[in-house]
Amino acid sequence: GAEIAMGGTTLPEDRYIAPTVVVNA
């Protein structure tokens, strides 16, 4: 039920997770 307010991009080939803000976790 959490919402992503910012970011959320994940790229496995580059081991990249964008700066991410999660609300209502």
PDB file of all heavy atoms in Angstrom:
ATOM      1  N   GLY A   1       0.782  -1.235   0.000  1.00  0.00           N
ATOM      2  CA  GLY A   1       0.000   0.000   0.000  1.00  0.00           C
ATOM      3  C   GLY A   1       0.808   1.276   0.000  1.00  0.00           C
ATOM      4  O   GLY A   1       0.238   2.374  -0.030  1.00  0.00           O
ATOM      5  N   ALA A   2       2.139   1.183   0.044  1.00  0.00           N
ATOM      6  CA  ALA A   2       2.973   2.391   0.028  1.00  0.00           C
ATOM      7  C   ALA A   2       2.908   3.055  -1.345  1.00  0.00           C
ATOM      8  O   ALA A   2       2.656   2.406  -2.367  1.00  0.00           O
ATOM      9  CB  ALA A   2       4.413   2.044   0.372  1.00  0.00           C
ATOM     10  N   GLU A   3       3.146   4.365  -1.363  1.00  0.00           N
ATOM     11  CA  GLU A   3       3.188   5.119  -2.607  1.00  0.00           C
ATOM     12  C   GLU A   3       4.583   5.695  -2.797  1.00  0.00           C
ATOM     13  O   GLU A   3       5.228   6.116  -1.831  1.00  0.00           O
ATOM     14  CB  GLU A   3       2.168   6.258  -2.567  1.00  0.00           C
ATOM     15  CG  GLU A   3       0.734   5.801  -2.363  1.00  0.00           C
ATOM     16  CD  GLU A   3      -0.194   6.969  -2.101  1.00  0.00           C
ATOM     17  OE1 GLU A   3       0.203   8.117  -2.423  1.00  0.00           O
ATOM     18  OE2 GLU A   3      -1.286   6.748  -1.555  1.00  0.00           O
ATOM     19  N   ILE A   4       5.048   5.709  -4.039  1.00  0.00           N
ATOM     20  CA  ILE A   4       6.341   6.314  -4.357  1.00  0.00           C
ATOM     21  C   ILE A   4       6.115   7.768  -4.720  1.00  0.00           C
ATOM     22  O   ILE A   4       5.497   8.072  -5.747  1.00  0.00           O
ATOM     23  CB  ILE A   4       7.050   5.558  -5.490  1.00  0.00           C
ATOM     24  CG1 ILE A   4       7.381   4.131  -5.038  1.00  0.00           C
ATOM     25  CG2 ILE A   4       8.322   6.288  -5.912  1.00  0.00           C
ATOM     26  CD1 ILE A   4       8.007   3.268  -6.112  1.00  0.00           C
ATOM     27  N   ALA A   5       6.590   8.670  -3.880  1.00  0.00           N
ATOM     28  CA  ALA A   5       6.411  10.101  -4.113  1.00  0.00           C
ATOM     29  C   ALA A   5       7.514  10.680  -4.985  1.00  0.00           C
ATOM     30  O   ALA A   5       7.350  11.748  -5.568  1.00  0.00           O
ATOM     31  CB  ALA A   5       6.378  10.841  -2.772  1.00  0.00           C
ATOM     32  N   MET A   6       8.624   9.972  -5.084  1.00  0.00           N
ATOM     33  CA  MET A   6       9.764  10.441  -5.869  1.00  0.00           C
ATOM     34  C   MET A   6      10.663   9.274  -6.173  1.00  0.00           C
ATOM     35  O   MET A   6      10.862   8.394  -5.329  1.00  0.00           O
ATOM     36  CB  MET A   6      10.543  11.496  -5.080  1.00  0.00           C
ATOM     37  CG  MET A   6      11.721  12.118  -5.818  1.00  0.00           C
ATOM     38  SD  MET A   6      12.687  13.201  -4.722  1.00  0.00           S
ATOM     39  CE  MET A   6      13.788  12.009  -3.970  1.00  0.00           C
ATOM     40  N   GLY A   7      11.202   9.207  -7.382  1.00  0.00           N
ATOM     41  CA  GLY A   7      12.163   8.165  -7.732  1.00  0.00           C
ATOM     42  C   GLY A   7      11.487   6.838  -8.005  1.00  0.00           C
ATOM     43  O   GLY A   7      10.458   6.758  -8.671  1.00  0.00           O
ATOM     44  N   GLY A   8      12.098   5.769  -7.510  1.00  0.00           N
ATOM     45  CA  GLY A   8      11.560   4.435  -7.698  1.00  0.00           C
ATOM     46  C   GLY A   8      12.203   3.657  -8.829  1.00  0.00           C
ATOM     47  O   GLY A   8      11.988   2.447  -8.955  1.00  0.00           O
ATOM     48  N   THR A   9      13.001   4.299  -9.665  1.00  0.00           N
ATOM     49  CA  THR A   9      13.657   3.610 -10.781  1.00  0.00           C
ATOM     50  C   THR A   9      14.706   2.633 -10.269  1.00  0.00           C
ATOM     51  O   THR A   9      15.533   2.975  -9.419  1.00  0.00           O
ATOM     52  CB  THR A   9      14.335   4.631 -11.728  1.00  0.00           C
ATOM     53  OG1 THR A   9      13.344   5.513 -12.235  1.00  0.00           O
ATOM     54  CG2 THR A   9      15.034   3.926 -12.877  1.00  0.00           C
ATOM     55  N   THR A  10      14.672   1.410 -10.794  1.00  0.00           N
ATOM     56  CA  THR A  10      15.698   0.410 -10.469  1.00  0.00           C
ATOM     57  C   THR A  10      16.223  -0.178 -11.773  1.00  0.00           C
ATOM     58  O   THR A  10      15.432  -0.577 -12.634  1.00  0.00           O
ATOM     59  CB  THR A  10      15.137  -0.722  -9.581  1.00  0.00           C
ATOM     60  OG1 THR A  10      14.079  -1.398 -10.271  1.00  0.00           O
ATOM     61  CG2 THR A  10      14.600  -0.171  -8.266  1.00  0.00           C
ATOM     62  N   LEU A  11      17.540  -0.239 -11.920  1.00  0.00           N
ATOM     63  CA  LEU A  11      18.173  -0.777 -13.123  1.00  0.00           C
ATOM     64  C   LEU A  11      19.146  -1.876 -12.711  1.00  0.00           C
ATOM     65  O   LEU A  11      20.280  -1.599 -12.306  1.00  0.00           O
ATOM     66  CB  LEU A  11      18.917   0.329 -13.877  1.00  0.00           C
ATOM     67  CG  LEU A  11      18.085   1.538 -14.346  1.00  0.00           C
ATOM     68  CD1 LEU A  11      18.987   2.594 -14.962  1.00  0.00           C
ATOM     69  CD2 LEU A  11      17.009   1.102 -15.326  1.00  0.00           C
ATOM     70  N   PRO A  12      18.725  -3.148 -12.780  1.00  0.00           N
ATOM     71  CA  PRO A  12      19.585  -4.248 -12.318  1.00  0.00           C
ATOM     72  C   PRO A  12      20.939  -4.301 -13.001  1.00  0.00           C
ATOM     73  O   PRO A  12      21.948  -4.589 -12.366  1.00  0.00           O
ATOM     74  CB  PRO A  12      18.747  -5.494 -12.646  1.00  0.00           C
ATOM     75  CG  PRO A  12      17.342  -5.008 -12.725  1.00  0.00           C
ATOM     76  CD  PRO A  12      17.418  -3.610 -13.254  1.00  0.00           C
ATOM     77  N   GLU A  13      20.976  -4.000 -14.320  1.00  0.00           N
ATOM     78  CA  GLU A  13      22.242  -4.125 -15.053  1.00  0.00           C
ATOM     79  C   GLU A  13      23.281  -3.121 -14.577  1.00  0.00           C
ATOM     80  O   GLU A  13      24.486  -3.329 -14.750  1.00  0.00           O
ATOM     81  CB  GLU A  13      22.000  -3.955 -16.556  1.00  0.00           C
ATOM     82  CG  GLU A  13      21.524  -2.578 -17.000  1.00  0.00           C
ATOM     83  CD  GLU A  13      20.022  -2.362 -16.871  1.00  0.00           C
ATOM     84  OE1 GLU A  13      19.352  -3.212 -16.239  1.00  0.00           O
ATOM     85  OE2 GLU A  13      19.523  -1.345 -17.387  1.00  0.00           O
ATOM     86  N   ASP A  14      22.837  -2.029 -13.958  1.00  0.00           N
ATOM     87  CA  ASP A  14      23.756  -0.994 -13.461  1.00  0.00           C
ATOM     88  C   ASP A  14      23.770  -0.937 -11.937  1.00  0.00           C
ATOM     89  O   ASP A  14      24.419  -0.057 -11.365  1.00  0.00           O
ATOM     90  CB  ASP A  14      23.360   0.370 -14.033  1.00  0.00           C
ATOM     91  CG  ASP A  14      24.502   1.381 -13.992  1.00  0.00           C
ATOM     92  OD1 ASP A  14      25.672   0.950 -14.017  1.00  0.00           O
ATOM     93  OD2 ASP A  14      24.228   2.583 -13.907  1.00  0.00           O
ATOM     94  N   ARG A  15      23.055  -1.835 -11.287  1.00  0.00           N
ATOM     95  CA  ARG A  15      22.899  -1.843  -9.824  1.00  0.00           C
ATOM     96  C   ARG A  15      22.508  -0.437  -9.340  1.00  0.00           C
ATOM     97  O   ARG A  15      23.044   0.077  -8.369  1.00  0.00           O
ATOM     98  CB  ARG A  15      24.168  -2.322  -9.120  1.00  0.00           C
ATOM     99  CG  ARG A  15      24.643  -3.693  -9.541  1.00  0.00           C
ATOM    100  CD  ARG A  15      25.632  -4.314  -8.560  1.00  0.00           C
ATOM    101  NE  ARG A  15      26.708  -3.456  -8.180  1.00  0.00           N
ATOM    102  CZ  ARG A  15      27.845  -3.324  -8.840  1.00  0.00           C
ATOM    103  NH1 ARG A  15      28.053  -4.006  -9.956  1.00  0.00           N
ATOM    104  NH2 ARG A  15      28.788  -2.522  -8.401  1.00  0.00           N
ATOM    105  N   TYR A  16      21.547   0.140 -10.054  1.00  0.00           N
ATOM    106  CA  TYR A  16      21.126   1.521  -9.781  1.00  0.00           C
ATOM    107  C   TYR A  16      19.737   1.556  -9.175  1.00  0.00           C
ATOM    108  O   TYR A  16      18.800   0.943  -9.704  1.00  0.00           O
ATOM    109  CB  TYR A  16      21.146   2.333 -11.075  1.00  0.00           C
ATOM    110  CG  TYR A  16      20.476   3.691 -10.971  1.00  0.00           C
ATOM    111  CD1 TYR A  16      21.041   4.709 -10.205  1.00  0.00           C
ATOM    112  CD2 TYR A  16      19.282   3.955 -11.646  1.00  0.00           C
ATOM    113  CE1 TYR A  16      20.437   5.961 -10.124  1.00  0.00           C
ATOM    114  CE2 TYR A  16      18.674   5.200 -11.565  1.00  0.00           C
ATOM    115  CZ  TYR A  16      19.247   6.199 -10.802  1.00  0.00           C
ATOM    116  OH  TYR A  16      18.649   7.422 -10.707  1.00  0.00           O
ATOM    117  N   ILE A  17      19.603   2.253  -8.057  1.00  0.00           N
ATOM    118  CA  ILE A  17      18.302   2.580  -7.488  1.00  0.00           C
ATOM    119  C   ILE A  17      18.287   4.084  -7.289  1.00  0.00           C
ATOM    120  O   ILE A  17      19.144   4.644  -6.601  1.00  0.00           O
ATOM    121  CB  ILE A  17      18.053   1.855  -6.158  1.00  0.00           C
ATOM    122  CG1 ILE A  17      18.080   0.332  -6.368  1.00  0.00           C
ATOM    123  CG2 ILE A  17      16.705   2.278  -5.554  1.00  0.00           C
ATOM    124  CD1 ILE A  17      17.915  -0.477  -5.092  1.00  0.00           C
ATOM    125  N   ALA A  18      17.321   4.739  -7.919  1.00  0.00           N
ATOM    126  CA  ALA A  18      17.244   6.198  -7.855  1.00  0.00           C
ATOM    127  C   ALA A  18      16.959   6.671  -6.437  1.00  0.00           C
ATOM    128  O   ALA A  18      16.387   5.926  -5.621  1.00  0.00           O
ATOM    129  CB  ALA A  18      16.137   6.687  -8.787  1.00  0.00           C
ATOM    130  N   PRO A  19      17.346   7.903  -6.098  1.00  0.00           N
ATOM    131  CA  PRO A  19      16.884   8.492  -4.838  1.00  0.00           C
ATOM    132  C   PRO A  19      15.357   8.415  -4.784  1.00  0.00           C
ATOM    133  O   PRO A  19      14.675   8.913  -5.683  1.00  0.00           O
ATOM    134  CB  PRO A  19      17.379   9.946  -4.934  1.00  0.00           C
ATOM    135  CG  PRO A  19      18.548   9.887  -5.870  1.00  0.00           C
ATOM    136  CD  PRO A  19      18.199   8.832  -6.872  1.00  0.00           C
ATOM    137  N   THR A  20      14.846   7.756  -3.763  1.00  0.00           N
ATOM    138  CA  THR A  20      13.426   7.400  -3.727  1.00  0.00           C
ATOM    139  C   THR A  20      12.795   7.808  -2.411  1.00  0.00           C
ATOM    140  O   THR A  20      13.379   7.573  -1.342  1.00  0.00           O
ATOM    141  CB  THR A  20      13.266   5.871  -3.936  1.00  0.00           C
ATOM    142  OG1 THR A  20      13.780   5.524  -5.227  1.00  0.00           O
ATOM    143  CG2 THR A  20      11.815   5.438  -3.833  1.00  0.00           C
ATOM    144  N   VAL A  21      11.613   8.414  -2.480  1.00  0.00           N
ATOM    145  CA  VAL A  21      10.835   8.755  -1.291  1.00  0.00           C
ATOM    146  C   VAL A  21       9.553   7.932  -1.311  1.00  0.00           C
ATOM    147  O   VAL A  21       8.838   7.891  -2.318  1.00  0.00           O
ATOM    148  CB  VAL A  21      10.501  10.254  -1.246  1.00  0.00           C
ATOM    149  CG1 VAL A  21       9.564  10.565  -0.070  1.00  0.00           C
ATOM    150  CG2 VAL A  21      11.779  11.080  -1.128  1.00  0.00           C
ATOM    151  N   VAL A  22       9.282   7.255  -0.196  1.00  0.00           N
ATOM    152  CA  VAL A  22       8.121   6.372  -0.071  1.00  0.00           C
ATOM    153  C   VAL A  22       7.219   6.908   1.037  1.00  0.00           C
ATOM    154  O   VAL A  22       7.701   7.229   2.133  1.00  0.00           O
ATOM    155  CB  VAL A  22       8.562   4.934   0.267  1.00  0.00           C
ATOM    156  CG1 VAL A  22       7.359   4.024   0.444  1.00  0.00           C
ATOM    157  CG2 VAL A  22       9.493   4.389  -0.804  1.00  0.00           C
ATOM    158  N   VAL A  23       5.929   7.000   0.759  1.00  0.00           N
ATOM    159  CA  VAL A  23       4.977   7.442   1.782  1.00  0.00           C
ATOM    160  C   VAL A  23       3.971   6.329   2.052  1.00  0.00           C
ATOM    161  O   VAL A  23       3.726   5.467   1.198  1.00  0.00           O
ATOM    162  CB  VAL A  23       4.262   8.747   1.373  1.00  0.00           C
ATOM    163  CG1 VAL A  23       5.261   9.880   1.225  1.00  0.00           C
ATOM    164  CG2 VAL A  23       3.479   8.570   0.076  1.00  0.00           C
ATOM    165  N   ASN A  24       3.413   6.355   3.252  1.00  0.00           N
ATOM    166  CA  ASN A  24       2.408   5.373   3.680  1.00  0.00           C
ATOM    167  C   ASN A  24       2.939   3.940   3.657  1.00  0.00           C
ATOM    168  O   ASN A  24       2.204   2.995   3.359  1.00  0.00           O
ATOM    169  CB  ASN A  24       1.141   5.449   2.811  1.00  0.00           C
ATOM    170  CG  ASN A  24       0.474   6.810   2.897  1.00  0.00           C
ATOM    171  OD1 ASN A  24       0.415   7.415   3.964  1.00  0.00           O
ATOM    172  ND2 ASN A  24      -0.021   7.306   1.765  1.00  0.00           N
ATOM    173  N   ALA A  25       4.222   3.765   3.970  1.00  0.00           N
ATOM    174  CA  ALA A  25       4.784   2.411   4.032  1.00  0.00           C
ATOM    175  C   ALA A  25       4.208   1.664   5.234  1.00  0.00           C
ATOM    176  O   ALA A  25       4.163   2.218   6.342  1.00  0.00           O
ATOM    177  CB  ALA A  25       6.306   2.472   4.128  1.00  0.00           C
TER     178      ALA A  25
END
